[in-house]
Amino acid sequence: MTRHRQRSSDSKRHIDWLNKSGEDMRAAELLLQHPECYNMCAFHCQQTIEKALKAYLLVASDRLLDGHNLTWLCRQALRYDKEFSTWMDESAVLNKFYIETRYPTDLSFALSRKRMEEVFKTAKEMYDFICSQVYEEQEEEMDKELAL
């Protein structure tokens, strides 16, 4: 079942999603310097990938898919590019930072400096990969249009 976003306020332009994704990546980088902000840093890492995947899927499928589950979004991207299979495990790791980092819980959710650096590195590598795929997909579309 494919979920489509019904709200018309969300941009249908992939570049808007990629720009917002980049803002989240920069926010995560700044928050990484402040141990008391590691949870928010992790959340922005998750948001970076969610928005980047939505940008890719907009280019690849011409549809804005709904959802926050990175593994599901990555699986959708896999339909268009098999290279996304290398990011399935990473998407599952980053996925858990959507809820757990933003709300108080009975069990403490604390991230060490080392763990946060690993999370940030993973998000940055995945972000760079997705950006390259977006631009590659965009070039292929332009080539098709020129061939017509």
Protein backbone atom coordinates (compact mmCIF):
# COMPACT_ATOMS: atom_id res chain seq x y z
CA MET A 1 0.00 0.00 0.00
CA THR A 2 1.46 3.35 -1.01
CA ARG A 3 0.63 6.25 1.22
CA HIS A 4 0.22 9.61 -0.45
CA ARG A 5 0.24 12.89 1.39
CA GLN A 6 -3.09 14.64 1.00
CA ARG A 7 -2.19 17.97 2.58
CA SER A 8 -1.57 20.50 -0.15
CA SER A 9 0.65 22.67 2.06
CA ASP A 10 3.64 20.34 1.70
CA SER A 11 5.88 21.26 -1.19
CA LYS A 12 5.89 19.01 -4.23
CA ARG A 13 9.31 20.37 -5.23
CA HIS A 14 12.16 18.05 -4.38
CA ILE A 15 14.61 20.92 -4.01
CA ASP A 16 12.53 22.33 -1.13
CA TRP A 17 12.76 19.00 0.67
CA LEU A 18 16.48 18.75 0.01
CA ASN A 19 17.05 22.29 1.30
CA LYS A 20 15.13 21.53 4.51
CA SER A 21 17.13 18.33 4.84
CA GLY A 22 20.34 20.34 4.58
CA GLU A 23 19.10 22.71 7.28
CA ASP A 24 18.51 19.74 9.58
CA MET A 25 22.01 18.44 8.83
CA ARG A 26 23.54 21.81 9.73
CA ALA A 27 21.43 21.99 12.91
CA ALA A 28 22.63 18.51 13.91
CA GLU A 29 26.23 19.58 13.33
CA LEU A 30 25.79 22.59 15.61
CA LEU A 31 23.97 20.60 18.30
CA LEU A 32 26.72 17.97 18.27
CA GLN A 33 28.95 20.51 20.03
CA HIS A 34 26.61 20.61 23.05
CA PRO A 35 26.27 17.37 25.09
CA GLU A 36 23.03 18.59 26.67
CA CYS A 37 21.54 18.72 23.15
CA TYR A 38 22.45 15.22 21.93
CA ASN A 39 18.82 14.10 21.84
CA MET A 40 17.91 17.03 19.59
CA CYS A 41 21.00 16.36 17.49
CA ALA A 42 19.84 12.77 16.98
CA PHE A 43 16.34 13.98 16.08
CA HIS A 44 17.75 16.35 13.45
CA CYS A 45 19.82 13.46 12.04
CA GLN A 46 16.59 11.47 11.64
CA GLN A 47 14.85 14.47 10.07
CA THR A 48 17.76 15.00 7.66
CA ILE A 49 17.30 11.53 6.24
CA GLU A 50 13.50 11.60 6.23
CA LYS A 51 13.43 14.79 4.18
CA ALA A 52 16.27 13.70 1.89
CA LEU A 53 14.50 10.41 1.16
CA LYS A 54 11.29 12.28 0.39
CA ALA A 55 13.24 14.53 -1.99
CA TYR A 56 14.67 11.49 -3.76
CA LEU A 57 11.27 9.82 -3.98
CA LEU A 58 9.73 12.99 -5.42
CA VAL A 59 12.29 12.94 -8.22
CA ALA A 60 12.11 9.18 -8.78
CA SER A 61 8.33 8.71 -8.56
CA ASP A 62 6.93 12.23 -8.98
CA ARG A 63 4.92 11.63 -5.78
CA LEU A 64 5.29 12.88 -2.23
CA LEU A 65 5.01 9.90 0.06
CA ASP A 66 3.73 10.22 3.60
CA GLY A 67 5.38 8.79 6.66
CA HIS A 68 8.26 9.19 9.05
CA ASN A 69 9.55 5.61 9.06
CA LEU A 70 12.99 5.77 7.47
CA THR A 71 13.14 2.04 6.80
CA TRP A 72 9.85 2.18 4.92
CA LEU A 73 10.95 5.26 2.95
CA CYS A 74 14.30 3.61 2.18
CA ARG A 75 12.45 0.50 0.98
CA GLN A 76 10.40 2.71 -1.36
CA ALA A 77 13.61 4.26 -2.72
CA LEU A 78 14.97 0.75 -3.24
CA ARG A 79 12.27 0.23 -5.87
CA TYR A 80 14.02 2.84 -8.02
CA ASP A 81 17.65 2.29 -7.09
CA LYS A 82 19.09 -0.93 -5.67
CA GLU A 83 21.97 1.00 -4.06
CA PHE A 84 19.57 2.01 -1.29
CA SER A 85 19.82 -1.57 0.00
CA THR A 86 23.17 -0.66 1.57
CA TRP A 87 21.37 1.86 3.81
CA MET A 88 18.59 -0.33 5.21
CA ASP A 89 20.39 -1.07 8.49
CA GLU A 90 21.37 2.57 8.93
CA SER A 91 17.81 3.70 8.30
CA ALA A 92 16.63 1.38 11.08
CA VAL A 93 19.20 2.85 13.49
CA LEU A 94 18.26 6.45 12.70
CA ASN A 95 14.56 5.60 12.74
CA LYS A 96 14.44 5.25 16.51
CA PHE A 97 15.42 8.89 17.01
CA TYR A 98 12.09 10.21 15.70
CA ILE A 99 10.10 9.75 18.92
CA GLU A 100 12.50 8.69 21.68
CA THR A 101 14.60 11.85 21.50
CA ARG A 102 11.71 14.30 21.77
CA TYR A 103 9.53 13.07 24.61
CA PRO A 104 10.24 12.20 28.24
CA THR A 105 10.18 8.47 28.90
CA ASP A 106 10.22 6.25 31.97
CA LEU A 107 13.49 4.76 30.79
CA SER A 108 16.29 7.24 30.37
CA PHE A 109 17.38 7.78 26.78
CA ALA A 110 20.90 9.13 26.89
CA LEU A 111 23.47 9.27 24.11
CA SER A 112 27.20 9.30 24.77
CA ARG A 113 29.54 11.54 22.81
CA LYS A 114 30.95 8.53 20.97
CA ARG A 115 27.49 7.21 20.08
CA MET A 116 26.29 10.64 18.97
CA GLU A 117 29.34 11.06 16.72
CA GLU A 118 28.56 7.66 15.15
CA VAL A 119 24.93 8.66 14.60
CA PHE A 120 25.95 11.98 13.06
CA LYS A 121 28.54 10.31 10.79
CA THR A 122 25.94 7.78 9.61
CA ALA A 123 23.41 10.53 8.89
CA LYS A 124 26.00 12.62 7.04
CA GLU A 125 27.12 9.71 4.87
CA MET A 126 23.54 8.73 4.09
CA TYR A 127 22.62 12.37 3.37
CA ASP A 128 25.55 12.72 0.96
CA PHE A 129 24.56 9.49 -0.79
CA ILE A 130 20.92 10.53 -1.17
CA CYS A 131 21.90 13.98 -2.48
CA SER A 132 24.09 12.35 -5.12
CA GLN A 133 21.21 10.05 -6.12
CA VAL A 134 18.79 12.99 -6.36
CA TYR A 135 21.12 14.88 -8.67
CA GLU A 136 21.85 11.75 -10.72
CA GLU A 137 18.13 11.05 -11.09
CA GLN A 138 17.54 14.68 -12.05
CA GLU A 139 20.22 14.51 -14.75
CA GLU A 140 18.68 11.35 -16.19
CA GLU A 141 15.28 13.09 -16.39
CA MET A 142 16.83 16.06 -18.17
CA ASP A 143 18.59 13.75 -20.64
CA LYS A 144 15.27 12.03 -21.40
CA GLU A 145 13.59 15.38 -22.04
CA LEU A 146 16.39 16.47 -24.37
CA ALA A 147 16.13 13.21 -26.32
CA LEU A 148 12.46 13.89 -27.12
